[in-house]
PDB file of all heavy atoms in Angstrom:
ATOM      1  N   GLU A   1      17.925  12.643 -20.258  1.00  0.00           N
ATOM      2  CA  GLU A   1      17.255  11.993 -21.380  1.00  0.00           C
ATOM      3  C   GLU A   1      17.858  10.624 -21.702  1.00  0.00           C
ATOM      4  O   GLU A   1      17.139   9.661 -21.973  1.00  0.00           O
ATOM      5  CB  GLU A   1      17.293  12.891 -22.622  1.00  0.00           C
ATOM      6  CG  GLU A   1      16.524  12.305 -23.788  1.00  0.00           C
ATOM      7  CD  GLU A   1      16.367  13.284 -24.954  1.00  0.00           C
ATOM      8  OE1 GLU A   1      16.064  14.471 -24.704  1.00  0.00           O
ATOM      9  OE2 GLU A   1      16.544  12.853 -26.108  1.00  0.00           O
ATOM     10  N   ALA A   2      19.190  10.524 -21.674  1.00  0.00           N
ATOM     11  CA  ALA A   2      19.841   9.243 -21.987  1.00  0.00           C
ATOM     12  C   ALA A   2      19.451   8.175 -20.969  1.00  0.00           C
ATOM     13  O   ALA A   2      19.286   6.998 -21.315  1.00  0.00           O
ATOM     14  CB  ALA A   2      21.356   9.418 -22.021  1.00  0.00           C
ATOM     15  N   PHE A   3      19.296   8.576 -19.717  1.00  0.00           N
ATOM     16  CA  PHE A   3      18.885   7.634 -18.669  1.00  0.00           C
ATOM     17  C   PHE A   3      17.450   7.168 -18.912  1.00  0.00           C
ATOM     18  O   PHE A   3      17.153   5.973 -18.833  1.00  0.00           O
ATOM     19  CB  PHE A   3      19.002   8.309 -17.304  1.00  0.00           C
ATOM     20  CG  PHE A   3      18.789   7.391 -16.132  1.00  0.00           C
ATOM     21  CD1 PHE A   3      19.716   6.409 -15.816  1.00  0.00           C
ATOM     22  CD2 PHE A   3      17.665   7.522 -15.321  1.00  0.00           C
ATOM     23  CE1 PHE A   3      19.537   5.566 -14.727  1.00  0.00           C
ATOM     24  CE2 PHE A   3      17.471   6.682 -14.233  1.00  0.00           C
ATOM     25  CZ  PHE A   3      18.407   5.705 -13.927  1.00  0.00           C
ATOM     26  N   TYR A   4      16.573   8.114 -19.241  1.00  0.00           N
ATOM     27  CA  TYR A   4      15.175   7.765 -19.525  1.00  0.00           C
ATOM     28  C   TYR A   4      15.060   6.857 -20.752  1.00  0.00           C
ATOM     29  O   TYR A   4      14.109   6.095 -20.877  1.00  0.00           O
ATOM     30  CB  TYR A   4      14.340   9.031 -19.796  1.00  0.00           C
ATOM     31  CG  TYR A   4      14.211   9.972 -18.628  1.00  0.00           C
ATOM     32  CD1 TYR A   4      14.336  11.350 -18.810  1.00  0.00           C
ATOM     33  CD2 TYR A   4      13.947   9.500 -17.339  1.00  0.00           C
ATOM     34  CE1 TYR A   4      14.195  12.234 -17.745  1.00  0.00           C
ATOM     35  CE2 TYR A   4      13.820  10.375 -16.271  1.00  0.00           C
ATOM     36  CZ  TYR A   4      13.945  11.743 -16.480  1.00  0.00           C
ATOM     37  OH  TYR A   4      13.816  12.611 -15.426  1.00  0.00           O
ATOM     38  N   ASN A   5      16.040   6.950 -21.636  1.00  0.00           N
ATOM     39  CA  ASN A   5      15.989   6.192 -22.888  1.00  0.00           C
ATOM     40  C   ASN A   5      16.700   4.842 -22.782  1.00  0.00           C
ATOM     41  O   ASN A   5      16.879   4.151 -23.780  1.00  0.00           O
ATOM     42  CB  ASN A   5      16.615   7.019 -24.019  1.00  0.00           C
ATOM     43  CG  ASN A   5      16.066   6.633 -25.379  1.00  0.00           C
ATOM     44  OD1 ASN A   5      14.945   6.133 -25.488  1.00  0.00           O
ATOM     45  ND2 ASN A   5      16.834   6.852 -26.420  1.00  0.00           N
ATOM     46  N   THR A   6      17.099   4.469 -21.557  1.00  0.00           N
ATOM     47  CA  THR A   6      17.801   3.207 -21.329  1.00  0.00           C
ATOM     48  C   THR A   6      16.808   2.130 -20.883  1.00  0.00           C
ATOM     49  O   THR A   6      15.956   2.394 -20.041  1.00  0.00           O
ATOM     50  CB  THR A   6      18.881   3.398 -20.240  1.00  0.00           C
ATOM     51  OG1 THR A   6      19.813   4.390 -20.690  1.00  0.00           O
ATOM     52  CG2 THR A   6      19.613   2.102 -19.965  1.00  0.00           C
ATOM     53  N   PRO A   7      16.895   0.917 -21.446  1.00  0.00           N
ATOM     54  CA  PRO A   7      15.989  -0.168 -21.016  1.00  0.00           C
ATOM     55  C   PRO A   7      16.157  -0.442 -19.524  1.00  0.00           C
ATOM     56  O   PRO A   7      17.254  -0.290 -18.983  1.00  0.00           O
ATOM     57  CB  PRO A   7      16.445  -1.368 -21.848  1.00  0.00           C
ATOM     58  CG  PRO A   7      17.220  -0.798 -22.981  1.00  0.00           C
ATOM     59  CD  PRO A   7      17.832   0.470 -22.486  1.00  0.00           C
ATOM     60  N   PRO A   8      15.100  -0.865 -18.843  1.00  0.00           N
ATOM     61  CA  PRO A   8      15.226  -1.156 -17.420  1.00  0.00           C
ATOM     62  C   PRO A   8      16.035  -2.411 -17.127  1.00  0.00           C
ATOM     63  O   PRO A   8      16.773  -2.466 -16.138  1.00  0.00           O
ATOM     64  CB  PRO A   8      13.771  -1.312 -16.954  1.00  0.00           C
ATOM     65  CG  PRO A   8      12.992  -1.627 -18.191  1.00  0.00           C
ATOM     66  CD  PRO A   8      13.710  -0.977 -19.321  1.00  0.00           C
ATOM     67  N   ILE A   9      15.902  -3.425 -17.975  1.00  0.00           N
ATOM     68  CA  ILE A   9      16.531  -4.718 -17.728  1.00  0.00           C
ATOM     69  C   ILE A   9      17.785  -4.873 -18.592  1.00  0.00           C
ATOM     70  O   ILE A   9      17.896  -4.290 -19.657  1.00  0.00           O
ATOM     71  CB  ILE A   9      15.540  -5.864 -18.043  1.00  0.00           C
ATOM     72  CG1 ILE A   9      14.232  -5.653 -17.270  1.00  0.00           C
ATOM     73  CG2 ILE A   9      16.145  -7.214 -17.683  1.00  0.00           C
ATOM     74  CD1 ILE A   9      14.388  -5.602 -15.767  1.00  0.00           C
ATOM     75  N   GLY A  10      18.715  -5.678 -18.103  1.00  0.00           N
ATOM     76  CA  GLY A  10      19.928  -5.943 -18.869  1.00  0.00           C
ATOM     77  C   GLY A  10      21.135  -5.277 -18.244  1.00  0.00           C
ATOM     78  O   GLY A  10      21.032  -4.506 -17.281  1.00  0.00           O
ATOM     79  N   LYS A  11      22.307  -5.594 -18.778  1.00  0.00           N
ATOM     80  CA  LYS A  11      23.543  -5.009 -18.278  1.00  0.00           C
ATOM     81  C   LYS A  11      23.506  -3.496 -18.457  1.00  0.00           C
ATOM     82  O   LYS A  11      23.193  -2.995 -19.530  1.00  0.00           O
ATOM     83  CB  LYS A  11      24.739  -5.604 -19.044  1.00  0.00           C
ATOM     84  CG  LYS A  11      26.088  -5.188 -18.477  1.00  0.00           C
ATOM     85  CD  LYS A  11      27.230  -5.852 -19.243  1.00  0.00           C
ATOM     86  CE  LYS A  11      28.573  -5.435 -18.669  1.00  0.00           C
ATOM     87  NZ  LYS A  11      29.698  -6.061 -19.402  1.00  0.00           N
ATOM     88  N   ARG A  12      23.781  -2.768 -17.385  1.00  0.00           N
ATOM     89  CA  ARG A  12      23.737  -1.305 -17.376  1.00  0.00           C
ATOM     90  C   ARG A  12      22.349  -0.778 -17.722  1.00  0.00           C
ATOM     91  O   ARG A  12      22.193   0.299 -18.302  1.00  0.00           O
ATOM     92  CB  ARG A  12      24.810  -0.731 -18.303  1.00  0.00           C
ATOM     93  CG  ARG A  12      26.237  -0.973 -17.766  1.00  0.00           C
ATOM     94  CD  ARG A  12      27.298  -0.755 -18.808  1.00  0.00           C
ATOM     95  NE  ARG A  12      27.248   0.598 -19.339  1.00  0.00           N
ATOM     96  CZ  ARG A  12      27.861   0.984 -20.464  1.00  0.00           C
ATOM     97  NH1 ARG A  12      28.551   0.097 -21.147  1.00  0.00           N
ATOM     98  NH2 ARG A  12      27.769   2.213 -20.878  1.00  0.00           N
ATOM     99  N   GLY A  13      21.326  -1.540 -17.350  1.00  0.00           N
ATOM    100  CA  GLY A  13      19.953  -1.064 -17.469  1.00  0.00           C
ATOM    101  C   GLY A  13      19.609  -0.188 -16.272  1.00  0.00           C
ATOM    102  O   GLY A  13      20.308  -0.209 -15.252  1.00  0.00           O
ATOM    103  N   THR A  14      18.549   0.582 -16.356  1.00  0.00           N
ATOM    104  CA  THR A  14      18.198   1.498 -15.262  1.00  0.00           C
ATOM    105  C   THR A  14      17.980   0.742 -13.951  1.00  0.00           C
ATOM    106  O   THR A  14      18.358   1.221 -12.882  1.00  0.00           O
ATOM    107  CB  THR A  14      16.942   2.311 -15.610  1.00  0.00           C
ATOM    108  OG1 THR A  14      15.876   1.424 -15.974  1.00  0.00           O
ATOM    109  CG2 THR A  14      17.204   3.272 -16.759  1.00  0.00           C
ATOM    110  N   SER A  15      17.387  -0.468 -14.024  1.00  0.00           N
ATOM    111  CA  SER A  15      17.112  -1.226 -12.800  1.00  0.00           C
ATOM    112  C   SER A  15      18.398  -1.591 -12.059  1.00  0.00           C
ATOM    113  O   SER A  15      18.419  -1.638 -10.818  1.00  0.00           O
ATOM    114  CB  SER A  15      16.329  -2.503 -13.117  1.00  0.00           C
ATOM    115  OG  SER A  15      15.015  -2.191 -13.504  1.00  0.00           O
ATOM    116  N   SER A  16      19.480  -1.858 -12.786  1.00  0.00           N
ATOM    117  CA  SER A  16      20.739  -2.218 -12.130  1.00  0.00           C
ATOM    118  C   SER A  16      21.287  -1.041 -11.330  1.00  0.00           C
ATOM    119  O   SER A  16      21.800  -1.220 -10.216  1.00  0.00           O
ATOM    120  CB  SER A  16      21.766  -2.690 -13.164  1.00  0.00           C
ATOM    121  OG  SER A  16      22.122  -1.645 -14.051  1.00  0.00           O
ATOM    122  N   TYR A  17      21.167   0.160 -11.884  1.00  0.00           N
ATOM    123  CA  TYR A  17      21.649   1.346 -11.165  1.00  0.00           C
ATOM    124  C   TYR A  17      20.742   1.679  -9.986  1.00  0.00           C
ATOM    125  O   TYR A  17      21.224   2.065  -8.906  1.00  0.00           O
ATOM    126  CB  TYR A  17      21.724   2.541 -12.122  1.00  0.00           C
ATOM    127  CG  TYR A  17      22.774   2.371 -13.194  1.00  0.00           C
ATOM    128  CD1 TYR A  17      22.415   2.066 -14.500  1.00  0.00           C
ATOM    129  CD2 TYR A  17      24.127   2.499 -12.900  1.00  0.00           C
ATOM    130  CE1 TYR A  17      23.362   1.884 -15.493  1.00  0.00           C
ATOM    131  CE2 TYR A  17      25.098   2.327 -13.885  1.00  0.00           C
ATOM    132  CZ  TYR A  17      24.710   2.029 -15.183  1.00  0.00           C
ATOM    133  OH  TYR A  17      25.660   1.844 -16.144  1.00  0.00           O
ATOM    134  N   LEU A  18      19.437   1.519 -10.167  1.00  0.00           N
ATOM    135  CA  LEU A  18      18.496   1.772  -9.071  1.00  0.00           C
ATOM    136  C   LEU A  18      18.713   0.770  -7.941  1.00  0.00           C
ATOM    137  O   LEU A  18      18.709   1.135  -6.760  1.00  0.00           O
ATOM    138  CB  LEU A  18      17.056   1.690  -9.586  1.00  0.00           C
ATOM    139  CG  LEU A  18      16.643   2.769 -10.596  1.00  0.00           C
ATOM    140  CD1 LEU A  18      15.280   2.433 -11.200  1.00  0.00           C
ATOM    141  CD2 LEU A  18      16.600   4.149  -9.947  1.00  0.00           C
ATOM    142  N   THR A  19      18.929  -0.496  -8.296  1.00  0.00           N
ATOM    143  CA  THR A  19      19.151  -1.542  -7.292  1.00  0.00           C
ATOM    144  C   THR A  19      20.408  -1.260  -6.477  1.00  0.00           C
ATOM    145  O   THR A  19      20.426  -1.442  -5.246  1.00  0.00           O
ATOM    146  CB  THR A  19      19.278  -2.923  -7.972  1.00  0.00           C
ATOM    147  OG1 THR A  19      18.082  -3.195  -8.705  1.00  0.00           O
ATOM    148  CG2 THR A  19      19.506  -4.016  -6.955  1.00  0.00           C
ATOM    149  N   LYS A  20      21.456  -0.819  -7.141  1.00  0.00           N
ATOM    150  CA  LYS A  20      22.717  -0.513  -6.455  1.00  0.00           C
ATOM    151  C   LYS A  20      22.507   0.561  -5.390  1.00  0.00           C
ATOM    152  O   LYS A  20      22.989   0.441  -4.256  1.00  0.00           O
ATOM    153  CB  LYS A  20      23.756  -0.049  -7.480  1.00  0.00           C
ATOM    154  CG  LYS A  20      25.123   0.260  -6.888  1.00  0.00           C
ATOM    155  CD  LYS A  20      26.090   0.719  -7.980  1.00  0.00           C
ATOM    156  CE  LYS A  20      27.434   1.139  -7.389  1.00  0.00           C
ATOM    157  NZ  LYS A  20      28.355   1.650  -8.440  1.00  0.00           N
ATOM    158  N   GLY A  21      21.753   1.609  -5.737  1.00  0.00           N
ATOM    159  CA  GLY A  21      21.483   2.687  -4.789  1.00  0.00           C
ATOM    160  C   GLY A  21      20.630   2.225  -3.625  1.00  0.00           C
ATOM    161  O   GLY A  21      20.858   2.610  -2.469  1.00  0.00           O
ATOM    162  N   VAL A  22      19.641   1.379  -3.908  1.00  0.00           N
ATOM    163  CA  VAL A  22      18.759   0.852  -2.859  1.00  0.00           C
ATOM    164  C   VAL A  22      19.564   0.000  -1.876  1.00  0.00           C
ATOM    165  O   VAL A  22      19.433   0.130  -0.648  1.00  0.00           O
ATOM    166  CB  VAL A  22      17.613   0.022  -3.479  1.00  0.00           C
ATOM    167  CG1 VAL A  22      16.823  -0.698  -2.392  1.00  0.00           C
ATOM    168  CG2 VAL A  22      16.680   0.930  -4.294  1.00  0.00           C
ATOM    169  N   MET A  23      20.408  -0.876  -2.399  1.00  0.00           N
ATOM    170  CA  MET A  23      21.217  -1.742  -1.528  1.00  0.00           C
ATOM    171  C   MET A  23      22.177  -0.918  -0.672  1.00  0.00           C
ATOM    172  O   MET A  23      22.378  -1.228   0.516  1.00  0.00           O
ATOM    173  CB  MET A  23      21.998  -2.746  -2.376  1.00  0.00           C
ATOM    174  CG  MET A  23      21.172  -3.891  -2.924  1.00  0.00           C
ATOM    175  SD  MET A  23      20.321  -4.857  -1.656  1.00  0.00           S
ATOM    176  CE  MET A  23      21.692  -5.397  -0.626  1.00  0.00           C
ATOM    177  N   ALA A  24      22.759   0.105  -1.242  1.00  0.00           N
ATOM    178  CA  ALA A  24      23.691   0.948  -0.495  1.00  0.00           C
ATOM    179  C   ALA A  24      22.994   1.591   0.699  1.00  0.00           C
ATOM    180  O   ALA A  24      23.546   1.637   1.809  1.00  0.00           O
ATOM    181  CB  ALA A  24      24.288   2.014  -1.407  1.00  0.00           C
ATOM    182  N   GLN A  25      21.769   2.082   0.486  1.00  0.00           N
ATOM    183  CA  GLN A  25      21.042   2.714   1.590  1.00  0.00           C
ATOM    184  C   GLN A  25      20.605   1.666   2.623  1.00  0.00           C
ATOM    185  O   GLN A  25      20.673   1.901   3.831  1.00  0.00           O
ATOM    186  CB  GLN A  25      19.816   3.480   1.087  1.00  0.00           C
ATOM    187  CG  GLN A  25      19.102   4.225   2.222  1.00  0.00           C
ATOM    188  CD  GLN A  25      18.023   5.171   1.738  1.00  0.00           C
ATOM    189  OE1 GLN A  25      18.002   5.569   0.580  1.00  0.00           O
ATOM    190  NE2 GLN A  25      17.112   5.526   2.634  1.00  0.00           N
ATOM    191  N   LEU A  26      20.174   0.512   2.171  1.00  0.00           N
ATOM    192  CA  LEU A  26      19.741  -0.542   3.090  1.00  0.00           C
ATOM    193  C   LEU A  26      20.876  -0.998   4.000  1.00  0.00           C
ATOM    194  O   LEU A  26      20.688  -1.243   5.193  1.00  0.00           O
ATOM    195  CB  LEU A  26      19.196  -1.740   2.303  1.00  0.00           C
ATOM    196  CG  LEU A  26      17.724  -1.701   1.918  1.00  0.00           C
ATOM    197  CD1 LEU A  26      17.413  -2.835   0.950  1.00  0.00           C
ATOM    198  CD2 LEU A  26      16.827  -1.784   3.141  1.00  0.00           C
ATOM    199  N   LEU A  27      22.064  -1.109   3.439  1.00  0.00           N
ATOM    200  CA  LEU A  27      23.212  -1.607   4.205  1.00  0.00           C
ATOM    201  C   LEU A  27      23.709  -0.592   5.233  1.00  0.00           C
ATOM    202  O   LEU A  27      24.521  -0.931   6.094  1.00  0.00           O
ATOM    203  CB  LEU A  27      24.340  -2.009   3.256  1.00  0.00           C
ATOM    204  CG  LEU A  27      24.031  -3.251   2.400  1.00  0.00           C
ATOM    205  CD1 LEU A  27      25.105  -3.459   1.352  1.00  0.00           C
ATOM    206  CD2 LEU A  27      23.886  -4.496   3.279  1.00  0.00           C
ATOM    207  N   GLN A  28      23.211   0.638   5.146  1.00  0.00           N
ATOM    208  CA  GLN A  28      23.562   1.640   6.158  1.00  0.00           C
ATOM    209  C   GLN A  28      22.710   1.477   7.414  1.00  0.00           C
ATOM    210  O   GLN A  28      23.020   2.037   8.462  1.00  0.00           O
ATOM    211  CB  GLN A  28      23.357   3.054   5.591  1.00  0.00           C
ATOM    212  CG  GLN A  28      24.345   3.425   4.500  1.00  0.00           C
ATOM    213  CD  GLN A  28      24.016   4.761   3.858  1.00  0.00           C
ATOM    214  OE1 GLN A  28      23.094   5.466   4.287  1.00  0.00           O
ATOM    215  NE2 GLN A  28      24.756   5.122   2.820  1.00  0.00           N
ATOM    216  N   GLY A  29      21.609   0.726   7.284  1.00  0.00           N
ATOM    217  CA  GLY A  29      20.706   0.532   8.414  1.00  0.00           C
ATOM    218  C   GLY A  29      21.065  -0.699   9.217  1.00  0.00           C
ATOM    219  O   GLY A  29      22.120  -1.314   9.051  1.00  0.00           O
ATOM    220  N   ASP A  30      20.148  -1.048  10.134  1.00  0.00           N
ATOM    221  CA  ASP A  30      20.366  -2.219  10.975  1.00  0.00           C
ATOM    222  C   ASP A  30      20.047  -3.492  10.215  1.00  0.00           C
ATOM    223  O   ASP A  30      19.148  -3.526   9.373  1.00  0.00           O
ATOM    224  CB  ASP A  30      19.472  -2.152  12.229  1.00  0.00           C
ATOM    225  CG  ASP A  30      19.838  -0.975  13.121  1.00  0.00           C
ATOM    226  OD1 ASP A  30      21.024  -0.601  13.121  1.00  0.00           O
ATOM    227  OD2 ASP A  30      18.935  -0.432  13.786  1.00  0.00           O
ATOM    228  N   ILE A  31      20.779  -4.547  10.543  1.00  0.00           N
ATOM    229  CA  ILE A  31      20.527  -5.860   9.954  1.00  0.00           C
ATOM    230  C   ILE A  31      19.913  -6.746  11.024  1.00  0.00           C
ATOM    231  O   ILE A  31      20.515  -6.976  12.084  1.00  0.00           O
ATOM    232  CB  ILE A  31      21.825  -6.484   9.407  1.00  0.00           C
ATOM    233  CG1 ILE A  31      22.411  -5.591   8.304  1.00  0.00           C
ATOM    234  CG2 ILE A  31      21.552  -7.879   8.874  1.00  0.00           C
ATOM    235  CD1 ILE A  31      23.691  -6.115   7.701  1.00  0.00           C
ATOM    236  N   LYS A  32      18.707  -7.217  10.782  1.00  0.00           N
ATOM    237  CA  LYS A  32      18.004  -8.041  11.763  1.00  0.00           C
ATOM    238  C   LYS A  32      18.588  -9.454  11.768  1.00  0.00           C
ATOM    239  O   LYS A  32      18.901  -9.998  10.716  1.00  0.00           O
ATOM    240  CB  LYS A  32      16.514  -8.121  11.414  1.00  0.00           C
ATOM    241  CG  LYS A  32      15.804  -6.781  11.474  1.00  0.00           C
ATOM    242  CD  LYS A  32      14.340  -6.934  11.113  1.00  0.00           C
ATOM    243  CE  LYS A  32      14.156  -7.352   9.666  1.00  0.00           C
ATOM    244  NZ  LYS A  32      12.743  -7.363   9.249  1.00  0.00           N
ATOM    245  N   PRO A  33      18.719 -10.059  12.954  1.00  0.00           N
ATOM    246  CA  PRO A  33      19.218 -11.443  13.004  1.00  0.00           C
ATOM    247  C   PRO A  33      18.201 -12.395  12.379  1.00  0.00           C
ATOM    248  O   PRO A  33      17.000 -12.192  12.497  1.00  0.00           O
ATOM    249  CB  PRO A  33      19.358 -11.705  14.507  1.00  0.00           C
ATOM    250  CG  PRO A  33      18.430 -10.724  15.161  1.00  0.00           C
ATOM    251  CD  PRO A  33      18.431  -9.508  14.291  1.00  0.00           C
ATOM    252  N   CYS A  34      18.694 -13.382  11.688  1.00  0.00           N
ATOM    253  CA  CYS A  34      17.832 -14.361  11.032  1.00  0.00           C
ATOM    254  C   CYS A  34      18.199 -15.747  11.565  1.00  0.00           C
ATOM    255  O   CYS A  34      19.382 -16.087  11.671  1.00  0.00           O
ATOM    256  CB  CYS A  34      18.031 -14.300   9.513  1.00  0.00           C
ATOM    257  SG  CYS A  34      17.112 -15.537   8.595  1.00  0.00           S
ATOM    258  N   LYS A  35      17.202 -16.537  11.932  1.00  0.00           N
ATOM    259  CA  LYS A  35      17.465 -17.839  12.538  1.00  0.00           C
ATOM    260  C   LYS A  35      18.234 -18.765  11.600  1.00  0.00           C
ATOM    261  O   LYS A  35      18.903 -19.698  12.037  1.00  0.00           O
ATOM    262  CB  LYS A  35      16.164 -18.491  12.985  1.00  0.00           C
ATOM    263  CG  LYS A  35      15.220 -18.842  11.848  1.00  0.00           C
ATOM    264  CD  LYS A  35      13.956 -19.525  12.370  1.00  0.00           C
ATOM    265  CE  LYS A  35      13.014 -19.901  11.227  1.00  0.00           C
ATOM    266  NZ  LYS A  35      11.796 -20.571  11.699  1.00  0.00           N
TER     267      LYS A  35
END
């Protein structure tokens, strides 16, 4: 409930925690070379 009641934007907002998890999973995969 406390998580659902937290604003998405701002310091310690839900989006910051979701973004952290997304980046962690992405960095476990392959990184494509960029010109």
